[in-house]
Amino acid sequence: MTKLMMRAAMLLAFWSLGVAHDIEDKQEIKKTLHFQGSGDMRTVLVDNIRGSIDVQGYDGDSVEMIVHRTNFADSQDKIEEAKENVVLDIKEEKDRVLLYVDAPWRTDNGVHYRGWHYYGYDVECDFELKVPAKTNLYVKTINNGDVTVRNIQGEFEVQNVNGGIEMENIVGSGKVCTVNGPVKVVFSKNPEKDCKFRTVNGKVDVEFRSGLSAKLDLKTFNGNVYTDFDVVGLPRKATSFESHGRRKVYESDRSFSVQVGKGGPDLSFDTLNGNVHILKRED
């Protein structure tokens, strides 16, 4: 878990609880977005703050976007201020489509929301996207929404803070990380490169195809690890030491590693409060 995400979880925990709003204004934004180039592999990036993200791969060349935007405020004047100050920045490039929710509480060091009483408004954006199946995907949100991804073939980096992540029918490799919520990933083809699956408060469930061959790095503090695969234990590494005169005392990092099959990519599973399930999905 990155320090930035941990900091965001602490700073924004109260934000996710929500407050009473006097006025709500809803909008629906529909757009068809195009890649300017003709390459086979494209990239879609979604950088949200508050709200859910749903991405589905399909047999097409464009990105079909629907954003359900809700402006919350304590007056009509503040509704207008929210519309002016919180904007969806859309960029269509040669091989990338970029969707970025910008707001006054964005800074160079992340998101620092000063609270309802400071701004008098807030905005929630729920994304629904259909993207070409062969797409590299980089998506993240922070509050009030889960992230779901289906039918994607490509590299991925999926992040959340206060919400879960679910991915299904995935071909590719990458990172899946949240703080408060479960992680579930179902592969339709076993990854050929390194992957990481992490949460702090939640369980980690990942399904692979039979015939998996990989190194599994496993870590949980308050939980257990379960797997359907036959594994062989690997030597535990000492990760740090303290010097006491001429002596050095090495300490373990509470993690352990096992090998499935002949070994292969490093697949990392990490949770603080929850179980880890590594399951075999029969063909």
C-alpha atoms as a PDB file:
ATOM      1  CA  MET A   1       0.000   0.000   0.000  1.00  0.00           C
ATOM      2  CA  THR A   2       1.479   3.336  -0.997  1.00  0.00           C
ATOM      3  CA  LYS A   3       1.949   6.115   1.557  1.00  0.00           C
ATOM      4  CA  LEU A   4      -0.210   8.396  -0.599  1.00  0.00           C
ATOM      5  CA  MET A   5      -3.160   6.012  -0.463  1.00  0.00           C
ATOM      6  CA  MET A   6      -2.782   5.505   3.294  1.00  0.00           C
ATOM      7  CA  ARG A   7      -2.728   9.276   3.771  1.00  0.00           C
ATOM      8  CA  ALA A   8      -5.804   9.649   1.595  1.00  0.00           C
ATOM      9  CA  ALA A   9      -7.624   7.010   3.619  1.00  0.00           C
ATOM     10  CA  MET A  10      -6.946   8.846   6.865  1.00  0.00           C
ATOM     11  CA  LEU A  11      -7.723  12.321   5.536  1.00  0.00           C
ATOM     12  CA  LEU A  12     -10.889  11.300   3.731  1.00  0.00           C
ATOM     13  CA  ALA A  13     -12.428   8.737   6.059  1.00  0.00           C
ATOM     14  CA  PHE A  14     -14.908  11.269   7.402  1.00  0.00           C
ATOM     15  CA  TRP A  15     -15.717  12.417   3.858  1.00  0.00           C
ATOM     16  CA  SER A  16     -17.070   9.008   2.896  1.00  0.00           C
ATOM     17  CA  LEU A  17     -19.644   9.214   5.692  1.00  0.00           C
ATOM     18  CA  GLY A  18     -21.372  12.059   3.908  1.00  0.00           C
ATOM     19  CA  VAL A  19     -23.349  15.008   5.263  1.00  0.00           C
ATOM     20  CA  ALA A  20     -26.890  16.274   4.865  1.00  0.00           C
ATOM     21  CA  HIS A  21     -27.387  18.195   1.627  1.00  0.00           C
ATOM     22  CA  ASP A  22     -30.096  20.800   1.080  1.00  0.00           C
ATOM     23  CA  ILE A  23     -29.957  20.671  -2.735  1.00  0.00           C
ATOM     24  CA  GLU A  24     -29.045  17.987  -5.275  1.00  0.00           C
ATOM     25  CA  ASP A  25     -28.624  18.636  -8.983  1.00  0.00           C
ATOM     26  CA  LYS A  26     -28.226  15.675 -11.339  1.00  0.00           C
ATOM     27  CA  GLN A  27     -26.717  15.617 -14.810  1.00  0.00           C
ATOM     28  CA  GLU A  28     -26.013  12.873 -17.354  1.00  0.00           C
ATOM     29  CA  ILE A  29     -23.089  13.285 -19.705  1.00  0.00           C
ATOM     30  CA  LYS A  30     -22.942  11.022 -22.778  1.00  0.00           C
ATOM     31  CA  LYS A  31     -20.066  11.069 -25.246  1.00  0.00           C
ATOM     32  CA  THR A  32     -18.451   8.826 -27.846  1.00  0.00           C
ATOM     33  CA  LEU A  33     -14.690   9.267 -27.632  1.00  0.00           C
ATOM     34  CA  HIS A  34     -12.216   8.297 -30.333  1.00  0.00           C
ATOM     35  CA  PHE A  35      -8.561   7.351 -30.485  1.00  0.00           C
ATOM     36  CA  GLN A  36      -6.750   9.468 -33.040  1.00  0.00           C
ATOM     37  CA  GLY A  37      -4.377   6.660 -34.112  1.00  0.00           C
ATOM     38  CA  SER A  38      -4.932   3.202 -35.562  1.00  0.00           C
ATOM     39  CA  GLY A  39      -2.800   1.038 -33.252  1.00  0.00           C
ATOM     40  CA  ASP A  40      -4.039  -2.288 -31.913  1.00  0.00           C
ATOM     41  CA  MET A  41      -3.409  -1.533 -28.232  1.00  0.00           C
ATOM     42  CA  ARG A  42      -4.966   1.553 -26.663  1.00  0.00           C
ATOM     43  CA  THR A  43      -4.961   3.074 -23.177  1.00  0.00           C
ATOM     44  CA  VAL A  44      -7.861   4.435 -21.155  1.00  0.00           C
ATOM     45  CA  LEU A  45      -7.195   6.429 -17.986  1.00  0.00           C
ATOM     46  CA  VAL A  46      -9.910   7.454 -15.517  1.00  0.00           C
ATOM     47  CA  ASP A  47      -8.928   9.606 -12.513  1.00  0.00           C
ATOM     48  CA  ASN A  48     -12.016  10.110 -10.357  1.00  0.00           C
ATOM     49  CA  ILE A  49     -12.404  11.523  -6.847  1.00  0.00           C
ATOM     50  CA  ARG A  50     -15.863  10.596  -5.592  1.00  0.00           C
ATOM     51  CA  GLY A  51     -18.035   8.009  -7.299  1.00  0.00           C
ATOM     52  CA  SER A  52     -17.957   4.596  -8.923  1.00  0.00           C
ATOM     53  CA  ILE A  53     -16.228   3.395 -12.087  1.00  0.00           C
ATOM     54  CA  ASP A  54     -17.637   0.607 -14.274  1.00  0.00           C
ATOM     55  CA  VAL A  55     -15.613  -0.481 -17.326  1.00  0.00           C
ATOM     56  CA  GLN A  56     -16.650  -3.134 -19.824  1.00  0.00           C
ATOM     57  CA  GLY A  57     -14.642  -4.319 -22.809  1.00  0.00           C
ATOM     58  CA  TYR A  58     -16.451  -4.825 -26.117  1.00  0.00           C
ATOM     59  CA  ASP A  59     -15.789  -5.428 -29.815  1.00  0.00           C
ATOM     60  CA  GLY A  60     -15.515  -1.806 -30.894  1.00  0.00           C
ATOM     61  CA  ASP A  61     -13.022   0.958 -31.632  1.00  0.00           C
ATOM     62  CA  SER A  62     -14.382   3.872 -29.607  1.00  0.00           C
ATOM     63  CA  VAL A  63     -14.994   4.631 -25.942  1.00  0.00           C
ATOM     64  CA  GLU A  64     -18.682   4.948 -25.077  1.00  0.00           C
ATOM     65  CA  MET A  65     -18.940   7.096 -21.959  1.00  0.00           C
ATOM     66  CA  ILE A  66     -21.844   7.848 -19.651  1.00  0.00           C
ATOM     67  CA  VAL A  67     -21.172   9.909 -16.514  1.00  0.00           C
ATOM     68  CA  HIS A  68     -23.899  10.334 -13.909  1.00  0.00           C
ATOM     69  CA  ARG A  69     -22.945  13.538 -12.119  1.00  0.00           C
ATOM     70  CA  THR A  70     -24.591  14.706  -8.890  1.00  0.00           C
ATOM     71  CA  ASN A  71     -23.881  18.153  -7.486  1.00  0.00           C
ATOM     72  CA  PHE A  72     -24.580  18.543  -3.761  1.00  0.00           C
ATOM     73  CA  ALA A  73     -24.820  21.984  -2.180  1.00  0.00           C
ATOM     74  CA  ASP A  74     -26.433  24.001   0.592  1.00  0.00           C
ATOM     75  CA  SER A  75     -27.759  26.674  -1.804  1.00  0.00           C
ATOM     76  CA  GLN A  76     -28.480  27.222  -5.484  1.00  0.00           C
ATOM     77  CA  ASP A  77     -25.538  29.627  -5.688  1.00  0.00           C
ATOM     78  CA  LYS A  78     -23.281  26.854  -4.450  1.00  0.00           C
ATOM     79  CA  ILE A  79     -24.739  24.481  -7.054  1.00  0.00           C
ATOM     80  CA  GLU A  80     -23.629  26.901  -9.758  1.00  0.00           C
ATOM     81  CA  GLU A  81     -20.232  27.190  -8.093  1.00  0.00           C
ATOM     82  CA  ALA A  82     -19.889  23.403  -8.100  1.00  0.00           C
ATOM     83  CA  LYS A  83     -20.718  23.273 -11.813  1.00  0.00           C
ATOM     84  CA  GLU A  84     -18.083  25.890 -12.559  1.00  0.00           C
ATOM     85  CA  ASN A  85     -15.288  24.639 -10.294  1.00  0.00           C
ATOM     86  CA  VAL A  86     -15.536  20.843 -10.627  1.00  0.00           C
ATOM     87  CA  VAL A  87     -14.979  19.865 -14.242  1.00  0.00           C
ATOM     88  CA  LEU A  88     -14.487  16.672 -16.254  1.00  0.00           C
ATOM     89  CA  ASP A  89     -11.378  17.076 -18.381  1.00  0.00           C
ATOM     90  CA  ILE A  90     -11.515  14.866 -21.507  1.00  0.00           C
ATOM     91  CA  LYS A  91      -8.571  14.273 -23.831  1.00  0.00           C
ATOM     92  CA  GLU A  92      -8.602  12.191 -26.994  1.00  0.00           C
ATOM     93  CA  GLU A  93      -5.053  11.411 -28.095  1.00  0.00           C
ATOM     94  CA  LYS A  94      -3.402   9.146 -30.661  1.00  0.00           C
ATOM     95  CA  ASP A  95      -3.612   5.985 -28.604  1.00  0.00           C
ATOM     96  CA  ARG A  96      -5.094   7.248 -25.313  1.00  0.00           C
ATOM     97  CA  VAL A  97      -8.351   8.540 -23.887  1.00  0.00           C
ATOM     98  CA  LEU A  98      -7.940  10.438 -20.617  1.00  0.00           C
ATOM     99  CA  LEU A  99     -10.803  11.274 -18.225  1.00  0.00           C
ATOM    100  CA  TYR A 100      -9.866  13.448 -15.256  1.00  0.00           C
ATOM    101  CA  VAL A 101     -12.182  14.950 -12.640  1.00  0.00           C
ATOM    102  CA  ASP A 102     -10.624  18.242 -11.566  1.00  0.00           C
ATOM    103  CA  ALA A 103     -11.673  20.131  -8.428  1.00  0.00           C
ATOM    104  CA  PRO A 104     -10.382  22.865  -6.105  1.00  0.00           C
ATOM    105  CA  TRP A 105      -9.293  20.199  -3.616  1.00  0.00           C
ATOM    106  CA  ARG A 106      -6.851  18.640  -6.076  1.00  0.00           C
ATOM    107  CA  THR A 107      -3.230  19.513  -5.224  1.00  0.00           C
ATOM    108  CA  ASP A 108       0.205  18.400  -6.368  1.00  0.00           C
ATOM    109  CA  ASN A 109       0.303  16.059  -3.339  1.00  0.00           C
ATOM    110  CA  GLY A 110      -3.065  14.437  -3.917  1.00  0.00           C
ATOM    111  CA  VAL A 111      -6.628  15.230  -2.827  1.00  0.00           C
ATOM    112  CA  HIS A 112      -7.170  17.361   0.278  1.00  0.00           C
ATOM    113  CA  TYR A 113     -10.866  18.050   0.817  1.00  0.00           C
ATOM    114  CA  ARG A 114     -11.239  20.735   3.510  1.00  0.00           C
ATOM    115  CA  GLY A 115     -14.776  19.803   4.389  1.00  0.00           C
ATOM    116  CA  TRP A 116     -18.364  20.650   3.586  1.00  0.00           C
ATOM    117  CA  HIS A 117     -18.417  23.788   5.712  1.00  0.00           C
ATOM    118  CA  TYR A 118     -15.424  25.191   3.825  1.00  0.00           C
ATOM    119  CA  TYR A 119     -16.714  24.641   0.277  1.00  0.00           C
ATOM    120  CA  GLY A 120     -20.476  24.400   0.710  1.00  0.00           C
ATOM    121  CA  TYR A 121     -20.692  21.830  -2.074  1.00  0.00           C
ATOM    122  CA  ASP A 122     -19.424  18.489  -3.302  1.00  0.00           C
ATOM    123  CA  VAL A 123     -19.676  16.519  -6.551  1.00  0.00           C
ATOM    124  CA  GLU A 124     -20.042  12.807  -7.277  1.00  0.00           C
ATOM    125  CA  CYS A 125     -19.334  11.299 -10.699  1.00  0.00           C
ATOM    126  CA  ASP A 126     -20.317   7.709 -11.527  1.00  0.00           C
ATOM    127  CA  PHE A 127     -18.627   6.478 -14.714  1.00  0.00           C
ATOM    128  CA  GLU A 128     -19.987   3.840 -17.101  1.00  0.00           C
ATOM    129  CA  LEU A 129     -17.558   3.026 -19.915  1.00  0.00           C
ATOM    130  CA  LYS A 130     -17.467   0.634 -22.838  1.00  0.00           C
ATOM    131  CA  VAL A 131     -13.936   0.389 -24.208  1.00  0.00           C
ATOM    132  CA  PRO A 132     -12.209  -1.773 -26.829  1.00  0.00           C
ATOM    133  CA  ALA A 133     -11.449  -5.153 -25.262  1.00  0.00           C
ATOM    134  CA  LYS A 134      -7.733  -4.821 -26.035  1.00  0.00           C
ATOM    135  CA  THR A 135      -7.094  -1.841 -23.797  1.00  0.00           C
ATOM    136  CA  ASN A 136      -4.528  -0.955 -21.172  1.00  0.00           C
ATOM    137  CA  LEU A 137      -6.538   0.353 -18.251  1.00  0.00           C
ATOM    138  CA  TYR A 138      -5.547   2.799 -15.486  1.00  0.00           C
ATOM    139  CA  VAL A 139      -8.468   3.779 -13.241  1.00  0.00           C
ATOM    140  CA  LYS A 140      -8.823   5.113  -9.716  1.00  0.00           C
ATOM    141  CA  THR A 141     -11.356   6.659  -7.373  1.00  0.00           C
ATOM    142  CA  ILE A 142     -11.370   7.549  -3.685  1.00  0.00           C
ATOM    143  CA  ASN A 143     -14.825   7.686  -2.102  1.00  0.00           C
ATOM    144  CA  ASN A 144     -18.446   6.594  -2.439  1.00  0.00           C
ATOM    145  CA  GLY A 145     -18.029   3.997  -5.125  1.00  0.00           C
ATOM    146  CA  ASP A 146     -16.713   0.611  -6.176  1.00  0.00           C
ATOM    147  CA  VAL A 147     -14.648  -0.150  -9.257  1.00  0.00           C
ATOM    148  CA  THR A 148     -15.776  -2.934 -11.594  1.00  0.00           C
ATOM    149  CA  VAL A 149     -13.919  -4.096 -14.710  1.00  0.00           C
ATOM    150  CA  ARG A 150     -15.037  -6.798 -17.137  1.00  0.00           C
ATOM    151  CA  ASN A 151     -13.745  -8.354 -20.373  1.00  0.00           C
ATOM    152  CA  ILE A 152     -10.427  -6.496 -20.614  1.00  0.00           C
ATOM    153  CA  GLN A 153      -7.254  -7.718 -22.339  1.00  0.00           C
ATOM    154  CA  GLY A 154      -4.265  -5.577 -21.450  1.00  0.00           C
ATOM    155  CA  GLU A 155      -2.161  -4.158 -18.658  1.00  0.00           C
ATOM    156  CA  PHE A 156      -4.068  -2.675 -15.742  1.00  0.00           C
ATOM    157  CA  GLU A 157      -3.669  -0.549 -12.628  1.00  0.00           C
ATOM    158  CA  VAL A 158      -6.873  -0.280 -10.600  1.00  0.00           C
ATOM    159  CA  GLN A 159      -7.032   1.745  -7.379  1.00  0.00           C
ATOM    160  CA  ASN A 160      -9.647   2.662  -4.814  1.00  0.00           C
ATOM    161  CA  VAL A 161      -9.592   3.924  -1.231  1.00  0.00           C
ATOM    162  CA  ASN A 162     -13.046   3.591   0.353  1.00  0.00           C
ATOM    163  CA  GLY A 163     -14.627   0.929  -1.797  1.00  0.00           C
ATOM    164  CA  GLY A 164     -14.153  -2.485  -3.316  1.00  0.00           C
ATOM    165  CA  ILE A 165     -12.680  -3.641  -6.616  1.00  0.00           C
ATOM    166  CA  GLU A 166     -14.078  -6.454  -8.765  1.00  0.00           C
ATOM    167  CA  MET A 167     -12.602  -7.619 -12.079  1.00  0.00           C
ATOM    168  CA  GLU A 168     -13.926 -10.466 -14.245  1.00  0.00           C
ATOM    169  CA  ASN A 169     -12.832 -12.191 -17.458  1.00  0.00           C
ATOM    170  CA  ILE A 170      -9.402 -10.576 -17.384  1.00  0.00           C
ATOM    171  CA  VAL A 171      -6.466 -11.274 -19.703  1.00  0.00           C
ATOM    172  CA  GLY A 172      -3.338  -9.369 -18.740  1.00  0.00           C
ATOM    173  CA  SER A 173      -1.395  -8.329 -15.673  1.00  0.00           C
ATOM    174  CA  GLY A 174      -0.975  -5.386 -13.326  1.00  0.00           C
ATOM    175  CA  LYS A 175      -1.865  -3.977  -9.901  1.00  0.00           C
ATOM    176  CA  VAL A 176      -5.133  -3.960  -7.962  1.00  0.00           C
ATOM    177  CA  CYS A 177      -5.138  -1.926  -4.756  1.00  0.00           C
ATOM    178  CA  THR A 178      -7.661  -0.500  -2.289  1.00  0.00           C
ATOM    179  CA  VAL A 179      -7.704   0.425   1.408  1.00  0.00           C
ATOM    180  CA  ASN A 180     -11.203  -0.216   2.739  1.00  0.00           C
ATOM    181  CA  GLY A 181     -12.902  -2.889   0.693  1.00  0.00           C
ATOM    182  CA  PRO A 182     -12.547  -6.347  -0.833  1.00  0.00           C
ATOM    183  CA  VAL A 183     -10.581  -7.266  -3.951  1.00  0.00           C
ATOM    184  CA  LYS A 184     -11.867  -9.910  -6.357  1.00  0.00           C
ATOM    185  CA  VAL A 185     -10.231 -10.758  -9.695  1.00  0.00           C
ATOM    186  CA  VAL A 186     -11.154 -13.579 -12.083  1.00  0.00           C
ATOM    187  CA  PHE A 187      -8.699 -14.338 -14.897  1.00  0.00           C
ATOM    188  CA  SER A 188      -9.786 -16.013 -18.110  1.00  0.00           C
ATOM    189  CA  LYS A 189      -6.096 -16.543 -18.958  1.00  0.00           C
ATOM    190  CA  ASN A 190      -3.308 -16.844 -16.421  1.00  0.00           C
ATOM    191  CA  PRO A 191      -1.085 -13.747 -16.232  1.00  0.00           C
ATOM    192  CA  GLU A 192       2.345 -13.925 -17.831  1.00  0.00           C
ATOM    193  CA  LYS A 193       3.806 -10.966 -15.929  1.00  0.00           C
ATOM    194  CA  ASP A 194       4.001  -9.907 -12.265  1.00  0.00           C
ATOM    195  CA  CYS A 195       0.774  -8.904 -10.496  1.00  0.00           C
ATOM    196  CA  LYS A 196      -0.105  -7.334  -7.132  1.00  0.00           C
ATOM    197  CA  PHE A 197      -3.406  -7.614  -5.248  1.00  0.00           C
ATOM    198  CA  ARG A 198      -3.688  -5.519  -2.065  1.00  0.00           C
ATOM    199  CA  THR A 199      -6.142  -4.183   0.471  1.00  0.00           C
ATOM    200  CA  VAL A 200      -5.933  -3.169   4.130  1.00  0.00           C
ATOM    201  CA  ASN A 201      -9.441  -3.918   5.396  1.00  0.00           C
ATOM    202  CA  GLY A 202     -10.989  -6.634   3.286  1.00  0.00           C
ATOM    203  CA  LYS A 203     -10.470 -10.016   1.715  1.00  0.00           C
ATOM    204  CA  VAL A 204      -8.528 -10.829  -1.438  1.00  0.00           C
ATOM    205  CA  ASP A 205     -10.094 -13.394  -3.792  1.00  0.00           C
ATOM    206  CA  VAL A 206      -8.313 -14.218  -7.051  1.00  0.00           C
ATOM    207  CA  GLU A 207      -9.255 -17.011  -9.472  1.00  0.00           C
ATOM    208  CA  PHE A 208      -6.772 -18.437 -11.975  1.00  0.00           C
ATOM    209  CA  ARG A 209      -7.047 -21.109 -14.632  1.00  0.00           C
ATOM    210  CA  SER A 210      -5.736 -24.608 -14.037  1.00  0.00           C
ATOM    211  CA  GLY A 211      -2.149 -24.980 -15.158  1.00  0.00           C
ATOM    212  CA  LEU A 212      -1.007 -21.901 -13.232  1.00  0.00           C
ATOM    213  CA  SER A 213       2.768 -21.685 -12.899  1.00  0.00           C
ATOM    214  CA  ALA A 214       4.001 -18.841 -10.694  1.00  0.00           C
ATOM    215  CA  LYS A 215       5.598 -17.697  -7.461  1.00  0.00           C
ATOM    216  CA  LEU A 216       3.052 -16.569  -4.866  1.00  0.00           C
ATOM    217  CA  ASP A 217       4.086 -13.950  -2.298  1.00  0.00           C
ATOM    218  CA  LEU A 218       1.550 -14.034   0.549  1.00  0.00           C
ATOM    219  CA  LYS A 219       0.957 -11.668   3.439  1.00  0.00           C
ATOM    220  CA  THR A 220      -1.902 -11.234   5.902  1.00  0.00           C
ATOM    221  CA  PHE A 221      -1.845 -10.097   9.530  1.00  0.00           C
ATOM    222  CA  ASN A 222      -5.364 -10.869  10.784  1.00  0.00           C
ATOM    223  CA  GLY A 223      -6.461 -13.616   8.429  1.00  0.00           C
ATOM    224  CA  ASN A 224      -5.598 -16.882   6.709  1.00  0.00           C
ATOM    225  CA  VAL A 225      -4.475 -17.940   3.247  1.00  0.00           C
ATOM    226  CA  TYR A 226      -6.335 -20.618   1.286  1.00  0.00           C
ATOM    227  CA  THR A 227      -5.573 -22.113  -2.131  1.00  0.00           C
ATOM    228  CA  ASP A 228      -6.801 -24.902  -4.405  1.00  0.00           C
ATOM    229  CA  PHE A 229      -3.395 -25.269  -6.053  1.00  0.00           C
ATOM    230  CA  ASP A 230      -0.624 -27.661  -5.066  1.00  0.00           C
ATOM    231  CA  VAL A 231       2.230 -25.520  -3.753  1.00  0.00           C
ATOM    232  CA  VAL A 232       5.802 -25.941  -2.573  1.00  0.00           C
ATOM    233  CA  GLY A 233       7.123 -23.699   0.201  1.00  0.00           C
ATOM    234  CA  LEU A 234      10.036 -21.370  -0.542  1.00  0.00           C
ATOM    235  CA  PRO A 235      12.655 -20.151   1.957  1.00  0.00           C
ATOM    236  CA  ARG A 236      11.492 -17.166   3.979  1.00  0.00           C
ATOM    237  CA  LYS A 237      13.595 -14.056   3.526  1.00  0.00           C
ATOM    238  CA  ALA A 238      14.889 -11.855   6.335  1.00  0.00           C
ATOM    239  CA  THR A 239      14.031  -8.334   5.316  1.00  0.00           C
ATOM    240  CA  SER A 240      15.636  -6.060   7.922  1.00  0.00           C
ATOM    241  CA  PHE A 241      18.182  -6.118  10.687  1.00  0.00           C
ATOM    242  CA  GLU A 242      19.314  -4.205  13.749  1.00  0.00           C
ATOM    243  CA  SER A 243      22.912  -3.971  14.902  1.00  0.00           C
ATOM    244  CA  HIS A 244      23.729  -4.852  18.502  1.00  0.00           C
ATOM    245  CA  GLY A 245      27.458  -4.412  18.784  1.00  0.00           C
ATOM    246  CA  ARG A 246      28.989  -7.046  16.546  1.00  0.00           C
ATOM    247  CA  ARG A 247      25.711  -8.891  16.200  1.00  0.00           C
ATOM    248  CA  LYS A 248      22.954  -8.289  13.659  1.00  0.00           C
ATOM    249  CA  VAL A 249      19.392  -9.383  14.444  1.00  0.00           C
ATOM    250  CA  TYR A 250      17.300 -10.090  11.350  1.00  0.00           C
ATOM    251  CA  GLU A 251      13.513  -9.802  11.387  1.00  0.00           C
ATOM    252  CA  SER A 252      10.955 -11.393   9.082  1.00  0.00           C
ATOM    253  CA  ASP A 253       8.303  -9.237   7.363  1.00  0.00           C
ATOM    254  CA  ARG A 254       5.481 -11.700   8.302  1.00  0.00           C
ATOM    255  CA  SER A 255       5.159 -12.771   4.665  1.00  0.00           C
ATOM    256  CA  PHE A 256       5.931 -16.093   3.020  1.00  0.00           C
ATOM    257  CA  SER A 257       6.255 -17.420  -0.499  1.00  0.00           C
ATOM    258  CA  VAL A 258       5.248 -20.616  -2.273  1.00  0.00           C
ATOM    259  CA  GLN A 259       5.652 -21.939  -5.781  1.00  0.00           C
ATOM    260  CA  VAL A 260       2.953 -23.276  -8.054  1.00  0.00           C
ATOM    261  CA  GLY A 261       4.024 -25.545 -10.908  1.00  0.00           C
ATOM    262  CA  LYS A 262       7.431 -24.668 -12.320  1.00  0.00           C
ATOM    263  CA  GLY A 263       7.314 -21.084 -11.099  1.00  0.00           C
ATOM    264  CA  GLY A 264       6.977 -17.990 -13.230  1.00  0.00           C
ATOM    265  CA  PRO A 265       5.774 -14.435 -12.637  1.00  0.00           C
ATOM    266  CA  ASP A 266       5.632 -13.048  -9.088  1.00  0.00           C
ATOM    267  CA  LEU A 267       2.025 -12.805  -7.902  1.00  0.00           C
ATOM    268  CA  SER A 268       1.703 -10.803  -4.674  1.00  0.00           C
ATOM    269  CA  PHE A 269      -1.291 -11.007  -2.296  1.00  0.00           C
ATOM    270  CA  ASP A 270      -1.408  -8.623   0.657  1.00  0.00           C
ATOM    271  CA  THR A 271      -4.072  -7.735   3.228  1.00  0.00           C
ATOM    272  CA  LEU A 272      -3.954  -6.587   6.841  1.00  0.00           C
ATOM    273  CA  ASN A 273      -7.443  -7.554   8.020  1.00  0.00           C
ATOM    274  CA  GLY A 274      -8.881 -10.319   5.888  1.00  0.00           C
ATOM    275  CA  ASN A 275      -8.371 -13.702   4.286  1.00  0.00           C
ATOM    276  CA  VAL A 276      -6.620 -14.468   1.006  1.00  0.00           C
ATOM    277  CA  HIS A 277      -8.243 -16.983  -1.367  1.00  0.00           C
ATOM    278  CA  ILE A 278      -6.290 -18.191  -4.413  1.00  0.00           C
ATOM    279  CA  LEU A 279      -8.701 -20.394  -6.331  1.00  0.00           C
ATOM    280  CA  LYS A 280      -8.570 -22.670  -9.337  1.00  0.00           C
ATOM    281  CA  ARG A 281     -11.149 -21.997 -12.028  1.00  0.00           C
ATOM    282  CA  GLU A 282     -11.698 -25.097 -14.127  1.00  0.00           C
ATOM    283  CA  ASP A 283     -11.700 -24.733 -17.906  1.00  0.00           C
END
